[in-house]
């Protein structure tokens, strides 16, 4: 069920998926308590840890950061108890993402460093690559251009190793591929480079994106919209934002709404233009007027 629940969250939204995730988490908790000591108990506790991390991720996207932190802390403890090293790495990466998103990039980098250490023990190239990815985002948010670029290069090398690996892959890495790398590159370019570099990175990310993952596609379109706005290409910026508004009309998350609000406020100098008025009409049709 876990891979299905993760993809359900990407398509239907966090709010629709959280009740199911919590129900399965409760079942996993009971199984972990009943399992005999040894291998079977470790597997049961690891399943509980993964479902707990998923609950945290869904709360994160819903904007309930306190609950997300509690679930992540619980998931990390359970994964350590189960000696699930690769899962520990993944959970620490998601903790890094949460901290960076909340404006605490140095805390995010702390978690990324810990994730990298466990990733080396796991032997998983996906773990190494994703630990580097969250480190890039933390360093970018902290304004460390050189270290961000260096870590992004390291991520790319680890990603190539992961993509060429013929061994089994843990299900939670389903989202992480070359499109994700280019998405993170776009985030870095938004901070340190010009709009042309952002557009080039988002073009690669969107070309490689699984269209069924509406969550990732929406964020990548919003990076593109911000680049258009920086070029003062207001028509294309509004057109791209409108695409996200329509794409997520039934499955939006609080984090997507926050980015929409930020981008719409940035367009205030052009609020009397036809393009922005049409964007506002789309927002009125699909969203609460509070976004404007």
Protein backbone atom coordinates (compact mmCIF):
# COMPACT_ATOMS: atom_id res chain seq x y z
CA UNK A 1 0.00 0.00 0.00
CA UNK A 2 2.80 2.46 0.71
CA UNK A 3 3.80 3.14 -2.91
CA UNK A 4 0.12 3.54 -3.77
CA UNK A 5 -0.43 5.97 -0.91
CA UNK A 6 2.56 8.07 -1.94
CA UNK A 7 1.33 8.34 -5.52
CA UNK A 8 -2.19 9.04 -4.29
CA UNK A 9 -0.80 12.02 -2.40
CA UNK A 10 0.91 13.29 -5.56
CA UNK A 11 -2.26 13.03 -7.63
CA UNK A 12 -5.20 13.55 -5.27
CA UNK A 13 -3.50 15.75 -2.70
CA UNK A 14 -2.34 15.41 0.88
CA UNK A 15 -5.70 16.03 2.53
CA UNK A 16 -7.36 13.18 0.64
CA UNK A 17 -4.54 10.76 1.41
CA UNK A 18 -3.75 11.45 5.08
CA UNK A 19 -6.73 9.54 6.60
CA UNK A 20 -5.75 6.36 4.75
CA UNK A 21 -2.09 6.76 5.68
CA UNK A 22 -2.97 7.18 9.36
CA UNK A 23 -5.24 4.13 9.27
CA UNK A 24 -2.49 1.94 7.80
CA UNK A 25 0.00 3.44 10.25
CA UNK A 26 -2.20 2.28 13.13
CA UNK A 27 -2.33 -1.24 11.67
CA UNK A 28 1.46 -1.25 11.26
CA UNK A 29 1.89 -0.11 14.87
CA UNK A 30 -0.22 -3.03 16.11
CA UNK A 31 1.72 -5.47 13.93
CA UNK A 32 5.01 -4.12 15.26
CA UNK A 33 3.86 -4.64 18.84
CA UNK A 34 2.77 -8.21 18.10
CA UNK A 35 5.78 -9.26 16.02
CA UNK A 36 8.34 -11.60 17.63
CA UNK A 37 11.80 -10.20 18.27
CA UNK A 38 14.32 -10.43 15.47
CA UNK A 39 13.95 -10.05 11.73
CA UNK A 40 10.15 -10.04 11.71
CA UNK A 41 9.95 -7.30 14.30
CA UNK A 42 12.51 -5.18 12.44
CA UNK A 43 10.45 -5.44 9.26
CA UNK A 44 7.27 -4.50 11.10
CA UNK A 45 8.87 -1.52 12.83
CA UNK A 46 10.37 -0.38 9.52
CA UNK A 47 6.91 -0.48 7.92
CA UNK A 48 5.58 1.61 10.79
CA UNK A 49 8.47 4.06 10.35
CA UNK A 50 7.81 4.46 6.64
CA UNK A 51 4.08 5.06 7.12
CA UNK A 52 4.87 7.55 9.88
CA UNK A 53 7.23 9.43 7.57
CA UNK A 54 4.53 9.47 4.91
CA UNK A 55 2.06 10.96 7.40
CA UNK A 56 4.65 13.63 8.18
CA UNK A 57 5.15 14.39 4.49
CA UNK A 58 1.41 14.79 3.96
CA UNK A 59 1.13 17.10 6.97
CA UNK A 60 4.07 19.10 5.60
CA UNK A 61 2.28 19.65 2.31
CA UNK A 62 -0.89 20.60 4.16
CA UNK A 63 1.04 23.31 6.03
CA UNK A 64 0.83 21.59 9.42
CA UNK A 65 4.54 21.83 10.14
CA UNK A 66 4.34 20.98 13.85
CA UNK A 67 2.60 17.68 13.15
CA UNK A 68 5.03 16.98 10.31
CA UNK A 69 7.95 17.43 12.71
CA UNK A 70 6.40 15.12 15.30
CA UNK A 71 5.78 12.40 12.72
CA UNK A 72 9.30 12.76 11.31
CA UNK A 73 10.88 12.49 14.78
CA UNK A 74 8.84 9.37 15.50
CA UNK A 75 9.69 7.89 12.11
CA UNK A 76 13.42 8.48 12.56
CA UNK A 77 13.41 6.80 15.99
CA UNK A 78 11.49 3.81 14.64
CA UNK A 79 13.76 3.46 11.61
CA UNK A 80 16.81 3.48 13.88
CA UNK A 81 15.18 0.86 16.08
CA UNK A 82 14.62 -1.30 12.99
CA UNK A 83 18.23 -0.69 11.84
CA UNK A 84 16.80 0.42 8.50
CA UNK A 85 19.77 2.54 7.46
CA UNK A 86 18.52 3.60 4.03
CA UNK A 87 15.14 4.55 5.49
CA UNK A 88 16.90 6.60 8.18
CA UNK A 89 18.66 8.47 5.38
CA UNK A 90 15.40 9.19 3.60
CA UNK A 91 13.69 10.42 6.77
CA UNK A 92 16.59 12.73 7.60
CA UNK A 93 16.38 14.12 4.07
CA UNK A 94 12.70 14.93 4.52
CA UNK A 95 13.50 16.55 7.87
CA UNK A 96 16.08 18.69 6.09
CA UNK A 97 13.50 19.72 3.50
CA UNK A 98 11.03 20.70 6.22
CA UNK A 99 13.57 22.84 8.09
CA UNK A 100 14.76 24.61 4.94
CA UNK A 101 11.20 25.33 3.83
CA UNK A 102 10.47 26.89 7.24
CA UNK A 103 13.37 29.32 6.83
CA UNK A 104 15.92 27.35 8.87
CA UNK A 105 18.44 26.35 6.17
CA UNK A 106 21.29 25.73 8.61
CA UNK A 107 19.16 23.27 10.54
CA UNK A 108 18.26 21.79 7.18
CA UNK A 109 21.93 21.44 6.35
CA UNK A 110 22.57 19.72 9.70
CA UNK A 111 20.00 17.09 8.78
CA UNK A 112 21.48 16.79 5.29
CA UNK A 113 24.95 16.14 6.70
CA UNK A 114 23.55 13.42 8.97
CA UNK A 115 21.66 11.96 6.01
CA UNK A 116 24.87 11.86 3.94
CA UNK A 117 26.68 9.98 6.72
CA UNK A 118 23.97 7.32 6.90
CA UNK A 119 23.74 7.22 3.10
CA UNK A 120 27.40 6.18 2.94
CA UNK A 121 26.63 3.33 5.32
CA UNK A 122 23.59 2.27 3.32
CA UNK A 123 25.55 1.81 0.09
CA UNK A 124 22.55 3.14 -1.86
CA UNK A 125 23.41 5.57 -4.67
CA UNK A 126 19.87 6.96 -4.43
CA UNK A 127 20.45 7.74 -0.75
CA UNK A 128 23.73 9.50 -1.55
CA UNK A 129 22.19 11.50 -4.38
CA UNK A 130 19.12 12.62 -2.47
CA UNK A 131 21.14 13.53 0.62
CA UNK A 132 23.17 15.80 -1.66
CA UNK A 133 19.96 17.20 -3.16
CA UNK A 134 18.53 18.41 0.17
CA UNK A 135 21.96 19.80 1.06
CA UNK A 136 21.88 21.84 -2.15
CA UNK A 137 18.52 23.30 -1.23
CA UNK A 138 19.69 24.17 2.29
CA UNK A 139 22.91 25.77 1.03
CA UNK A 140 20.97 27.66 -1.64
CA UNK A 141 18.52 29.04 0.91
CA UNK A 142 21.49 30.05 3.09
CA UNK A 143 23.05 31.97 0.21
CA UNK A 144 26.16 29.78 -0.10
CA UNK A 145 26.61 29.85 -3.88
CA UNK A 146 29.95 28.04 -4.19
CA UNK A 147 29.08 25.22 -1.80
CA UNK A 148 25.66 24.85 -3.42
CA UNK A 149 27.24 24.46 -6.87
CA UNK A 150 29.83 22.01 -5.56
CA UNK A 151 27.16 19.89 -3.89
CA UNK A 152 24.94 20.02 -6.97
CA UNK A 153 27.82 18.61 -9.01
CA UNK A 154 28.24 15.85 -6.43
CA UNK A 155 24.54 15.09 -6.63
CA UNK A 156 24.73 14.71 -10.41
CA UNK A 157 27.56 12.16 -10.13
CA UNK A 158 25.62 10.18 -7.52
CA UNK A 159 22.47 10.36 -9.63
CA UNK A 160 24.25 8.89 -12.65
CA UNK A 161 25.46 6.04 -10.46
CA UNK A 162 21.91 5.49 -9.24
CA UNK A 163 20.41 5.50 -12.74
CA UNK A 164 22.97 2.93 -13.93
CA UNK A 165 22.45 0.69 -10.89
CA UNK A 166 20.66 -2.51 -11.88
CA UNK A 167 19.88 -3.54 -8.32
CA UNK A 168 16.51 -3.24 -6.56
CA UNK A 169 15.38 0.22 -5.53
CA UNK A 170 13.42 1.05 -2.40
CA UNK A 171 9.89 2.18 -3.24
CA UNK A 172 10.22 5.57 -1.56
CA UNK A 173 12.74 6.69 -4.21
CA UNK A 174 10.05 6.50 -6.90
CA UNK A 175 9.98 10.31 -7.25
CA UNK A 176 13.73 10.83 -7.49
CA UNK A 177 15.12 10.86 -11.01
CA UNK A 178 16.91 13.19 -13.41
CA UNK A 179 13.91 15.52 -13.55
CA UNK A 180 14.25 16.07 -9.80
CA UNK A 181 17.90 17.03 -10.21
CA UNK A 182 16.99 19.64 -12.84
CA UNK A 183 14.23 20.94 -10.61
CA UNK A 184 16.73 21.50 -7.80
CA UNK A 185 19.08 23.09 -10.34
CA UNK A 186 16.28 25.52 -11.19
CA UNK A 187 15.85 26.41 -7.52
CA UNK A 188 19.58 27.09 -7.25
CA UNK A 189 19.50 29.19 -10.43
CA UNK A 190 16.63 31.27 -9.06
CA UNK A 191 18.92 32.25 -6.19
CA UNK A 192 22.27 32.66 -7.91
CA UNK A 193 21.79 32.93 -11.68
CA UNK A 194 19.62 34.63 -14.26
CA UNK A 195 16.20 33.84 -15.65
CA UNK A 196 17.64 32.16 -18.76
CA UNK A 197 19.40 29.54 -16.63
CA UNK A 198 16.21 28.95 -14.63
CA UNK A 199 14.19 28.45 -17.79
CA UNK A 200 16.75 26.04 -19.23
CA UNK A 201 16.69 23.93 -16.06
CA UNK A 202 12.89 23.93 -15.77
CA UNK A 203 12.60 22.97 -19.43
CA UNK A 204 14.70 19.86 -18.78
CA UNK A 205 12.84 19.10 -15.56
CA UNK A 206 9.40 19.38 -17.17
CA UNK A 207 10.42 17.35 -20.24
CA UNK A 208 11.43 14.49 -17.93
CA UNK A 209 8.61 14.87 -15.37
CA UNK A 210 6.04 12.14 -14.83
CA UNK A 211 2.84 14.01 -15.76
CA UNK A 212 0.96 11.93 -13.19
CA UNK A 213 2.97 13.53 -10.39
CA UNK A 214 0.95 16.74 -10.19
CA UNK A 215 2.78 17.89 -7.07
CA UNK A 216 6.23 17.97 -8.68
CA UNK A 217 4.93 19.28 -11.99
CA UNK A 218 3.19 22.17 -10.26
CA UNK A 219 6.30 23.32 -8.42
CA UNK A 220 8.39 23.15 -11.58
CA UNK A 221 5.86 25.24 -13.46
CA UNK A 222 5.95 27.79 -10.64
CA UNK A 223 9.76 28.04 -10.96
CA UNK A 224 9.25 28.71 -14.66
CA UNK A 225 6.61 31.35 -13.91
CA UNK A 226 8.98 33.14 -11.55
CA UNK A 227 11.66 33.20 -14.23
CA UNK A 228 9.21 34.71 -16.73
CA UNK A 229 8.22 37.33 -14.15
CA UNK A 230 11.88 38.26 -13.65
CA UNK A 231 12.15 38.81 -17.38
CA UNK A 232 9.01 40.96 -17.08
CA UNK A 233 7.34 38.61 -19.53
CA UNK A 234 4.09 39.02 -17.62
CA UNK A 235 1.92 37.28 -20.19
CA UNK A 236 3.86 34.00 -20.01
CA UNK A 237 4.21 34.28 -16.23
CA UNK A 238 0.44 34.60 -15.82
CA UNK A 239 -0.22 31.85 -18.35
CA UNK A 240 2.08 29.46 -16.46
CA UNK A 241 0.58 30.30 -13.07
CA UNK A 242 -2.90 29.79 -14.51
CA UNK A 243 -1.84 26.33 -15.67
CA UNK A 244 -0.92 25.45 -12.08
CA UNK A 245 -4.18 26.91 -10.73
CA UNK A 246 -6.17 24.73 -13.12
CA UNK A 247 -3.93 21.68 -12.69
CA UNK A 248 -4.38 21.69 -8.92
CA UNK A 249 -7.99 22.83 -8.73
CA UNK A 250 -9.00 19.63 -6.91
CA UNK A 251 -5.78 18.55 -5.24
CA UNK A 252 -3.83 21.60 -4.13
CA UNK A 253 -1.72 21.73 -0.98
CA UNK A 254 -0.89 24.52 1.41
CA UNK A 255 2.68 24.67 0.10
CA UNK A 256 1.50 25.15 -3.48
CA UNK A 257 -0.92 27.83 -2.29
CA UNK A 258 1.91 29.65 -0.51
CA UNK A 259 3.98 29.77 -3.68
CA UNK A 260 0.96 30.93 -5.71
CA UNK A 261 0.36 33.74 -3.23
CA UNK A 262 3.99 34.85 -3.35
CA UNK A 263 4.07 34.89 -7.14
CA UNK A 264 0.74 36.71 -7.41
CA UNK A 265 1.89 39.42 -4.98
CA UNK A 266 5.01 39.88 -7.10
CA UNK A 267 2.76 40.73 -10.04
CA UNK A 268 1.05 43.63 -8.25
CA UNK A 269 2.94 46.27 -10.30
CA UNK A 270 1.15 44.87 -13.38
CA UNK A 271 -2.25 44.22 -11.75
CA UNK A 272 -4.03 46.48 -14.26
CA UNK A 273 -2.72 44.58 -17.27
CA UNK A 274 -4.93 42.21 -19.19
CA UNK A 275 -2.72 39.22 -18.37
CA UNK A 276 -2.91 39.70 -14.61
CA UNK A 277 -6.65 40.43 -14.73
CA UNK A 278 -7.18 37.14 -16.59
CA UNK A 279 -5.02 35.36 -13.99
CA UNK A 280 -7.18 36.84 -11.23
CA UNK A 281 -10.28 35.59 -13.00
CA UNK A 282 -8.83 32.09 -13.05
CA UNK A 283 -7.96 32.34 -9.37
CA UNK A 284 -11.51 33.50 -8.58
CA UNK A 285 -12.88 30.56 -10.55
CA UNK A 286 -10.72 27.87 -9.01
CA UNK A 287 -9.54 29.26 -5.66
CA UNK A 288 -10.42 31.44 -2.70
CA UNK A 289 -9.90 35.15 -3.43
CA UNK A 290 -7.40 35.20 -0.51
CA UNK A 291 -4.66 34.08 -2.91
CA UNK A 292 -4.66 37.54 -4.51
